[in-house]
Amino acid sequence: MLLGNQNSLSNYADGLLCFTQFCDDFNVCKPARMLVSEALLCLFVSSHGASHISHGTLTNWITGIEVWHSMNGAPWLSKK
């Protein structure tokens, strides 16, 4: 998997932090975070959809969550 440039890597980390905060805010259990479902990803993305976050940034955030799964040997259950 090609990770991209330094800005992309920073966006991946930002996305993972935002995802973790989102899960904390909504009391999502830790197992549901690592084996993230499409439904949870959709809720995460839609919670940021009304803000001024670009499509590219959201895509990088999701890629960061995917990379996090890969680094931890967890399956990636979502389709892009």
Protein backbone atom coordinates (compact mmCIF):
# COMPACT_ATOMS: atom_id res chain seq x y z
CA MET A 1 0.00 0.00 0.00
CA LEU A 2 1.43 3.36 -1.02
CA LEU A 3 1.18 5.73 1.91
CA GLY A 4 1.92 9.02 0.19
CA ASN A 5 3.79 12.16 1.16
CA GLN A 6 4.37 13.77 4.56
CA ASN A 7 1.12 15.77 4.38
CA SER A 8 -0.84 12.59 3.70
CA LEU A 9 0.84 10.86 6.63
CA SER A 10 -0.12 13.77 8.88
CA ASN A 11 -3.72 13.57 7.64
CA TYR A 12 -3.76 9.82 8.34
CA ALA A 13 -2.70 10.48 11.94
CA ASP A 14 -5.20 13.33 12.29
CA GLY A 15 -7.96 11.07 11.02
CA LEU A 16 -7.07 8.32 13.46
CA LEU A 17 -7.14 10.83 16.32
CA CYS A 18 -10.52 12.20 15.18
CA PHE A 19 -11.88 8.67 14.81
CA THR A 20 -10.71 7.76 18.32
CA GLN A 21 -12.30 10.93 19.73
CA PHE A 22 -15.52 10.20 17.83
CA CYS A 23 -15.59 6.67 19.26
CA ASP A 24 -14.90 7.99 22.76
CA ASP A 25 -17.71 10.55 22.43
CA PHE A 26 -20.20 7.86 21.40
CA ASN A 27 -18.91 5.12 23.72
CA VAL A 28 -17.92 2.78 20.87
CA CYS A 29 -16.27 -0.29 22.40
CA LYS A 30 -12.64 -0.97 21.52
CA PRO A 31 -13.30 -4.18 19.53
CA ALA A 32 -15.72 -2.26 17.27
CA ARG A 33 -13.02 0.33 16.61
CA MET A 34 -10.41 -2.13 15.40
CA LEU A 35 -12.78 -4.24 13.35
CA VAL A 36 -14.54 -1.16 12.09
CA SER A 37 -17.75 -1.68 10.15
CA GLU A 38 -18.93 0.27 7.15
CA ALA A 39 -21.80 1.57 9.28
CA LEU A 40 -19.40 3.01 11.87
CA LEU A 41 -17.23 4.55 9.12
CA CYS A 42 -20.32 6.12 7.56
CA LEU A 43 -21.36 7.60 10.91
CA PHE A 44 -17.84 8.95 11.42
CA VAL A 45 -17.70 10.53 7.96
CA SER A 46 -21.22 11.93 8.16
CA SER A 47 -20.44 13.49 11.54
CA HIS A 48 -17.81 15.58 9.73
CA GLY A 49 -19.76 16.10 6.53
CA ALA A 50 -21.38 19.36 7.64
CA SER A 51 -18.04 20.86 8.61
CA HIS A 52 -15.52 22.38 6.24
CA ILE A 53 -13.47 19.22 5.79
CA SER A 54 -12.63 18.39 2.20
CA HIS A 55 -13.40 15.11 0.49
CA GLY A 56 -9.65 14.51 0.11
CA THR A 57 -9.06 14.96 3.83
CA LEU A 58 -11.88 12.55 4.69
CA THR A 59 -10.44 10.04 2.22
CA ASN A 60 -7.03 10.35 3.89
CA TRP A 61 -8.62 9.90 7.31
CA ILE A 62 -10.27 6.66 6.20
CA THR A 63 -7.00 5.50 4.66
CA GLY A 64 -5.32 6.19 8.01
CA ILE A 65 -7.86 3.98 9.77
CA GLU A 66 -7.23 1.29 7.16
CA VAL A 67 -3.46 1.55 7.66
CA TRP A 68 -3.97 1.31 11.44
CA HIS A 69 -5.91 -1.92 10.90
CA SER A 70 -3.17 -3.27 8.64
CA MET A 71 -0.41 -2.40 11.11
CA ASN A 72 -2.28 -4.28 13.82
CA GLY A 73 -3.00 -7.33 11.65
CA ALA A 74 -6.75 -6.66 11.74
CA PRO A 75 -8.90 -7.30 8.70
CA TRP A 76 -10.26 -4.31 6.84
CA LEU A 77 -13.97 -4.95 6.46
CA SER A 78 -14.94 -1.78 4.64
CA LYS A 79 -15.12 -1.24 0.91
CA LYS A 80 -13.98 2.10 -0.47
